[in-house]
Amino acid sequence: MRKSNPRAKATLAKFVAVPFVVVAVGGCAADAGETESPAGDQVEIIELKVENDQYAALDLDRPGVSLGDMDVYSGNAIKDGRKVGRGGGSCQVLHVDGEKVTTQCVLTMELEQGSVTLQALWLKGANPLDMAVTGGTGAYRDARGTVRFWDIATPNERVRAEIIH
């Protein structure tokens, strides 16, 4: 556990995959560590492995990559070899410049004490990916922070989250 400056960038690395995967981390709060920032905000750090379970690529316009196409996914959060949560989301193509494909990704993670929503622009294939925590429910209703995903859409996908609430 570490102290966090309320102005410091929070890094929440949780779940991602080329087909993104958001997962829940129920039961991780005690293991992940919690600390108080000088402003009294609680910082919860969660580190998990991502296990994708469902994925669909929707080719919504002309064949091939084009505006509006989507990747939709779901998966599980794994900690110490056991499932601790689940989630899912989608990434929609916003801009195509040759091989450079920019998507907007929106994910929801179910956690034991509520859910956390995430959003980011992602240049497909870029690694790592940082996503903003845009809100939540339950204990996370005032959540903010950042989530970082590594090794997206691989068997080694992992995430680290710093959720400030």
C-alpha atoms as a PDB file:
ATOM      1  CA  MET A   1       0.000   0.000   0.000  1.00  0.00           C
ATOM      2  CA  ARG A   2       1.137   3.495  -0.662  1.00  0.00           C
ATOM      3  CA  LYS A   3       0.004   7.009  -0.026  1.00  0.00           C
ATOM      4  CA  SER A   4      -1.450   8.798  -3.031  1.00  0.00           C
ATOM      5  CA  ASN A   5      -1.381  12.487  -3.767  1.00  0.00           C
ATOM      6  CA  PRO A   6      -4.950  13.503  -4.707  1.00  0.00           C
ATOM      7  CA  ARG A   7      -3.497  15.403  -7.690  1.00  0.00           C
ATOM      8  CA  ALA A   8      -1.368  12.503  -8.813  1.00  0.00           C
ATOM      9  CA  LYS A   9      -2.553  10.527 -11.777  1.00  0.00           C
ATOM     10  CA  ALA A  10      -4.239   7.357 -10.602  1.00  0.00           C
ATOM     11  CA  THR A  11      -3.416   4.274 -12.614  1.00  0.00           C
ATOM     12  CA  LEU A  12      -6.133   1.626 -12.667  1.00  0.00           C
ATOM     13  CA  ALA A  13      -5.018  -1.304 -14.774  1.00  0.00           C
ATOM     14  CA  LYS A  14      -7.681  -3.888 -14.876  1.00  0.00           C
ATOM     15  CA  PHE A  15      -8.970  -5.435 -18.049  1.00  0.00           C
ATOM     16  CA  VAL A  16      -8.529  -5.004 -21.722  1.00  0.00           C
ATOM     17  CA  ALA A  17      -8.269  -6.943 -24.933  1.00  0.00           C
ATOM     18  CA  VAL A  18      -8.210  -6.057 -28.606  1.00  0.00           C
ATOM     19  CA  PRO A  19     -11.599  -7.333 -28.009  1.00  0.00           C
ATOM     20  CA  PHE A  20     -11.578  -5.563 -24.659  1.00  0.00           C
ATOM     21  CA  VAL A  21     -12.554  -7.441 -21.588  1.00  0.00           C
ATOM     22  CA  VAL A  22     -13.749  -5.877 -18.439  1.00  0.00           C
ATOM     23  CA  VAL A  23     -14.017  -7.944 -15.388  1.00  0.00           C
ATOM     24  CA  ALA A  24     -15.242  -7.708 -11.879  1.00  0.00           C
ATOM     25  CA  VAL A  25     -12.910  -7.771  -8.950  1.00  0.00           C
ATOM     26  CA  GLY A  26     -15.234  -8.714  -6.145  1.00  0.00           C
ATOM     27  CA  GLY A  27     -13.408  -9.705  -3.031  1.00  0.00           C
ATOM     28  CA  CYS A  28     -10.154  -7.997  -3.976  1.00  0.00           C
ATOM     29  CA  ALA A  29     -10.392  -4.922  -1.784  1.00  0.00           C
ATOM     30  CA  ALA A  30      -8.815  -6.559   1.239  1.00  0.00           C
ATOM     31  CA  ASP A  31      -5.993  -8.096  -0.820  1.00  0.00           C
ATOM     32  CA  ALA A  32      -5.444  -5.133  -3.115  1.00  0.00           C
ATOM     33  CA  GLY A  33      -4.700  -2.628  -0.416  1.00  0.00           C
ATOM     34  CA  GLU A  34      -6.331   0.613   0.521  1.00  0.00           C
ATOM     35  CA  THR A  35      -4.869   3.874   1.697  1.00  0.00           C
ATOM     36  CA  GLU A  36      -6.044   7.371   2.525  1.00  0.00           C
ATOM     37  CA  SER A  37      -4.872  10.357   0.516  1.00  0.00           C
ATOM     38  CA  PRO A  38      -4.176  13.647   2.282  1.00  0.00           C
ATOM     39  CA  ALA A  39      -7.605  14.881   1.116  1.00  0.00           C
ATOM     40  CA  GLY A  40      -9.269  11.907   2.812  1.00  0.00           C
ATOM     41  CA  ASP A  41     -10.029  10.067  -0.430  1.00  0.00           C
ATOM     42  CA  GLN A  42      -9.688   6.298  -0.333  1.00  0.00           C
ATOM     43  CA  VAL A  43      -7.361   4.771  -2.968  1.00  0.00           C
ATOM     44  CA  GLU A  44      -8.018   1.126  -3.826  1.00  0.00           C
ATOM     45  CA  ILE A  45      -5.343  -0.690  -5.852  1.00  0.00           C
ATOM     46  CA  ILE A  46      -6.374  -3.821  -7.723  1.00  0.00           C
ATOM     47  CA  GLU A  47      -4.146  -6.032  -9.889  1.00  0.00           C
ATOM     48  CA  LEU A  48      -5.688  -8.873 -11.888  1.00  0.00           C
ATOM     49  CA  LYS A  49      -5.257 -11.223 -14.806  1.00  0.00           C
ATOM     50  CA  VAL A  50      -7.891 -10.946 -17.556  1.00  0.00           C
ATOM     51  CA  GLU A  51      -9.496 -14.060 -18.999  1.00  0.00           C
ATOM     52  CA  ASN A  52     -11.627 -13.290 -22.075  1.00  0.00           C
ATOM     53  CA  ASP A  53     -14.635 -15.576 -22.494  1.00  0.00           C
ATOM     54  CA  GLN A  54     -16.801 -14.082 -25.270  1.00  0.00           C
ATOM     55  CA  TYR A  55     -16.000 -11.858 -28.246  1.00  0.00           C
ATOM     56  CA  ALA A  56     -17.734 -10.659 -31.403  1.00  0.00           C
ATOM     57  CA  ALA A  57     -16.427  -8.433 -34.188  1.00  0.00           C
ATOM     58  CA  LEU A  58     -19.300  -6.547 -35.829  1.00  0.00           C
ATOM     59  CA  ASP A  59     -18.585  -5.395 -39.401  1.00  0.00           C
ATOM     60  CA  LEU A  60     -21.368  -2.819 -39.669  1.00  0.00           C
ATOM     61  CA  ASP A  61     -20.612  -0.997 -42.924  1.00  0.00           C
ATOM     62  CA  ARG A  62     -18.714  -2.084 -45.999  1.00  0.00           C
ATOM     63  CA  PRO A  63     -16.499  -5.202 -45.688  1.00  0.00           C
ATOM     64  CA  GLY A  64     -13.261  -4.552 -43.820  1.00  0.00           C
ATOM     65  CA  VAL A  65     -12.488  -1.962 -41.177  1.00  0.00           C
ATOM     66  CA  SER A  66     -14.737   1.096 -41.435  1.00  0.00           C
ATOM     67  CA  LEU A  67     -16.400   3.712 -39.232  1.00  0.00           C
ATOM     68  CA  GLY A  68     -18.917   2.235 -36.818  1.00  0.00           C
ATOM     69  CA  ASP A  69     -17.481  -1.294 -36.711  1.00  0.00           C
ATOM     70  CA  MET A  70     -17.384  -2.690 -33.188  1.00  0.00           C
ATOM     71  CA  ASP A  71     -15.621  -5.241 -31.035  1.00  0.00           C
ATOM     72  CA  VAL A  72     -17.818  -6.503 -28.184  1.00  0.00           C
ATOM     73  CA  TYR A  73     -16.388  -8.638 -25.398  1.00  0.00           C
ATOM     74  CA  SER A  74     -16.780 -10.060 -21.926  1.00  0.00           C
ATOM     75  CA  GLY A  75     -14.520 -11.830 -19.507  1.00  0.00           C
ATOM     76  CA  ASN A  76     -13.449 -12.706 -16.018  1.00  0.00           C
ATOM     77  CA  ALA A  77     -11.041 -11.177 -13.533  1.00  0.00           C
ATOM     78  CA  ILE A  78      -8.644 -13.692 -12.027  1.00  0.00           C
ATOM     79  CA  LYS A  79      -6.655 -13.264  -8.815  1.00  0.00           C
ATOM     80  CA  ASP A  80      -4.494 -16.011  -7.331  1.00  0.00           C
ATOM     81  CA  GLY A  81      -5.974 -18.525  -9.780  1.00  0.00           C
ATOM     82  CA  ARG A  82      -9.628 -17.892  -8.927  1.00  0.00           C
ATOM     83  CA  LYS A  83     -12.396 -15.864 -10.537  1.00  0.00           C
ATOM     84  CA  VAL A  84     -13.076 -12.713  -8.539  1.00  0.00           C
ATOM     85  CA  GLY A  85     -15.258 -10.756 -10.958  1.00  0.00           C
ATOM     86  CA  ARG A  86     -16.495 -10.162 -14.467  1.00  0.00           C
ATOM     87  CA  GLY A  87     -17.373  -7.448 -16.914  1.00  0.00           C
ATOM     88  CA  GLY A  88     -17.494  -6.426 -20.529  1.00  0.00           C
ATOM     89  CA  GLY A  89     -17.636  -3.635 -23.009  1.00  0.00           C
ATOM     90  CA  SER A  90     -17.204  -2.523 -26.582  1.00  0.00           C
ATOM     91  CA  CYS A  91     -14.813  -0.576 -28.775  1.00  0.00           C
ATOM     92  CA  GLN A  92     -16.266   1.282 -31.772  1.00  0.00           C
ATOM     93  CA  VAL A  93     -14.191   2.474 -34.729  1.00  0.00           C
ATOM     94  CA  LEU A  94     -14.118   6.304 -34.833  1.00  0.00           C
ATOM     95  CA  HIS A  95     -11.307   6.982 -37.303  1.00  0.00           C
ATOM     96  CA  VAL A  96      -9.445   4.974 -39.941  1.00  0.00           C
ATOM     97  CA  ASP A  97      -6.151   6.238 -41.362  1.00  0.00           C
ATOM     98  CA  GLY A  98      -4.693   3.368 -43.351  1.00  0.00           C
ATOM     99  CA  GLU A  99      -3.554   0.765 -40.808  1.00  0.00           C
ATOM    100  CA  LYS A 100      -4.135   3.151 -37.892  1.00  0.00           C
ATOM    101  CA  VAL A 101      -7.569   2.431 -36.431  1.00  0.00           C
ATOM    102  CA  THR A 102      -8.800   4.588 -33.538  1.00  0.00           C
ATOM    103  CA  THR A 103     -11.622   3.241 -31.396  1.00  0.00           C
ATOM    104  CA  GLN A 104     -13.593   4.554 -28.466  1.00  0.00           C
ATOM    105  CA  CYS A 105     -13.830   1.907 -25.758  1.00  0.00           C
ATOM    106  CA  VAL A 106     -16.414   1.803 -22.977  1.00  0.00           C
ATOM    107  CA  LEU A 107     -16.232  -0.915 -20.302  1.00  0.00           C
ATOM    108  CA  THR A 108     -17.981  -1.811 -17.067  1.00  0.00           C
ATOM    109  CA  MET A 109     -16.392  -3.824 -14.279  1.00  0.00           C
ATOM    110  CA  GLU A 110     -18.569  -5.467 -11.666  1.00  0.00           C
ATOM    111  CA  LEU A 111     -16.957  -5.350  -8.274  1.00  0.00           C
ATOM    112  CA  GLU A 112     -18.074  -6.889  -5.007  1.00  0.00           C
ATOM    113  CA  GLN A 113     -19.283  -3.528  -3.659  1.00  0.00           C
ATOM    114  CA  GLY A 114     -20.460  -1.950  -6.910  1.00  0.00           C
ATOM    115  CA  SER A 115     -19.439  -1.386 -10.493  1.00  0.00           C
ATOM    116  CA  VAL A 116     -16.852   0.862 -12.149  1.00  0.00           C
ATOM    117  CA  THR A 117     -17.194   2.385 -15.625  1.00  0.00           C
ATOM    118  CA  LEU A 118     -14.193   3.073 -17.889  1.00  0.00           C
ATOM    119  CA  GLN A 119     -13.663   4.962 -21.141  1.00  0.00           C
ATOM    120  CA  ALA A 120     -10.775   5.773 -23.502  1.00  0.00           C
ATOM    121  CA  LEU A 121      -9.723   6.294 -27.098  1.00  0.00           C
ATOM    122  CA  TRP A 122      -7.483   3.423 -28.214  1.00  0.00           C
ATOM    123  CA  LEU A 123      -5.266   3.073 -31.263  1.00  0.00           C
ATOM    124  CA  LYS A 124      -5.826  -0.635 -31.962  1.00  0.00           C
ATOM    125  CA  GLY A 125      -2.739  -2.638 -31.159  1.00  0.00           C
ATOM    126  CA  ALA A 126      -1.225  -0.017 -28.834  1.00  0.00           C
ATOM    127  CA  ASN A 127       0.053  -1.444 -25.569  1.00  0.00           C
ATOM    128  CA  PRO A 128      -0.421  -0.525 -22.733  1.00  0.00           C
ATOM    129  CA  LEU A 129      -3.815   1.148 -22.670  1.00  0.00           C
ATOM    130  CA  ASP A 130      -4.831   3.659 -19.997  1.00  0.00           C
ATOM    131  CA  MET A 131      -8.547   4.178 -19.391  1.00  0.00           C
ATOM    132  CA  ALA A 132     -10.280   6.843 -17.306  1.00  0.00           C
ATOM    133  CA  VAL A 133     -12.579   5.774 -14.497  1.00  0.00           C
ATOM    134  CA  THR A 134     -15.742   7.726 -15.357  1.00  0.00           C
ATOM    135  CA  GLY A 135     -17.949   6.695 -12.450  1.00  0.00           C
ATOM    136  CA  GLY A 136     -19.574   3.791 -10.754  1.00  0.00           C
ATOM    137  CA  THR A 137     -22.279   2.486  -8.472  1.00  0.00           C
ATOM    138  CA  GLY A 138     -22.475   1.406  -4.843  1.00  0.00           C
ATOM    139  CA  ALA A 139     -19.219   2.039  -2.993  1.00  0.00           C
ATOM    140  CA  TYR A 140     -17.795   3.382  -6.284  1.00  0.00           C
ATOM    141  CA  ARG A 141     -20.512   5.955  -7.039  1.00  0.00           C
ATOM    142  CA  ASP A 142     -17.974   8.817  -6.841  1.00  0.00           C
ATOM    143  CA  ALA A 143     -15.080   6.821  -8.312  1.00  0.00           C
ATOM    144  CA  ARG A 144     -12.323   8.336 -10.405  1.00  0.00           C
ATOM    145  CA  GLY A 145      -8.872   7.157 -11.382  1.00  0.00           C
ATOM    146  CA  THR A 146      -7.076   5.327 -14.168  1.00  0.00           C
ATOM    147  CA  VAL A 147      -6.927   1.702 -15.288  1.00  0.00           C
ATOM    148  CA  ARG A 148      -3.991   0.302 -17.255  1.00  0.00           C
ATOM    149  CA  PHE A 149      -4.191  -2.847 -19.406  1.00  0.00           C
ATOM    150  CA  TRP A 150      -1.187  -4.769 -20.754  1.00  0.00           C
ATOM    151  CA  ASP A 151      -0.835  -7.611 -23.268  1.00  0.00           C
ATOM    152  CA  ILE A 152      -4.306  -6.892 -24.624  1.00  0.00           C
ATOM    153  CA  ALA A 153      -6.136  -9.835 -26.225  1.00  0.00           C
ATOM    154  CA  THR A 154      -3.453 -12.339 -25.255  1.00  0.00           C
ATOM    155  CA  PRO A 155      -3.409 -15.140 -22.676  1.00  0.00           C
ATOM    156  CA  ASN A 156      -1.150 -12.853 -20.574  1.00  0.00           C
ATOM    157  CA  GLU A 157      -3.539  -9.892 -20.430  1.00  0.00           C
ATOM    158  CA  ARG A 158      -3.446  -8.114 -17.085  1.00  0.00           C
ATOM    159  CA  VAL A 159      -4.685  -4.927 -15.488  1.00  0.00           C
ATOM    160  CA  ARG A 160      -3.780  -2.589 -12.640  1.00  0.00           C
ATOM    161  CA  ALA A 161      -6.370  -0.214 -11.241  1.00  0.00           C
ATOM    162  CA  GLU A 162      -6.084   2.682  -8.859  1.00  0.00           C
ATOM    163  CA  ILE A 163      -9.614   3.664  -7.972  1.00  0.00           C
ATOM    164  CA  ILE A 164     -10.046   6.827  -5.924  1.00  0.00           C
ATOM    165  CA  HIS A 165     -13.337   7.063  -4.039  1.00  0.00           C
END
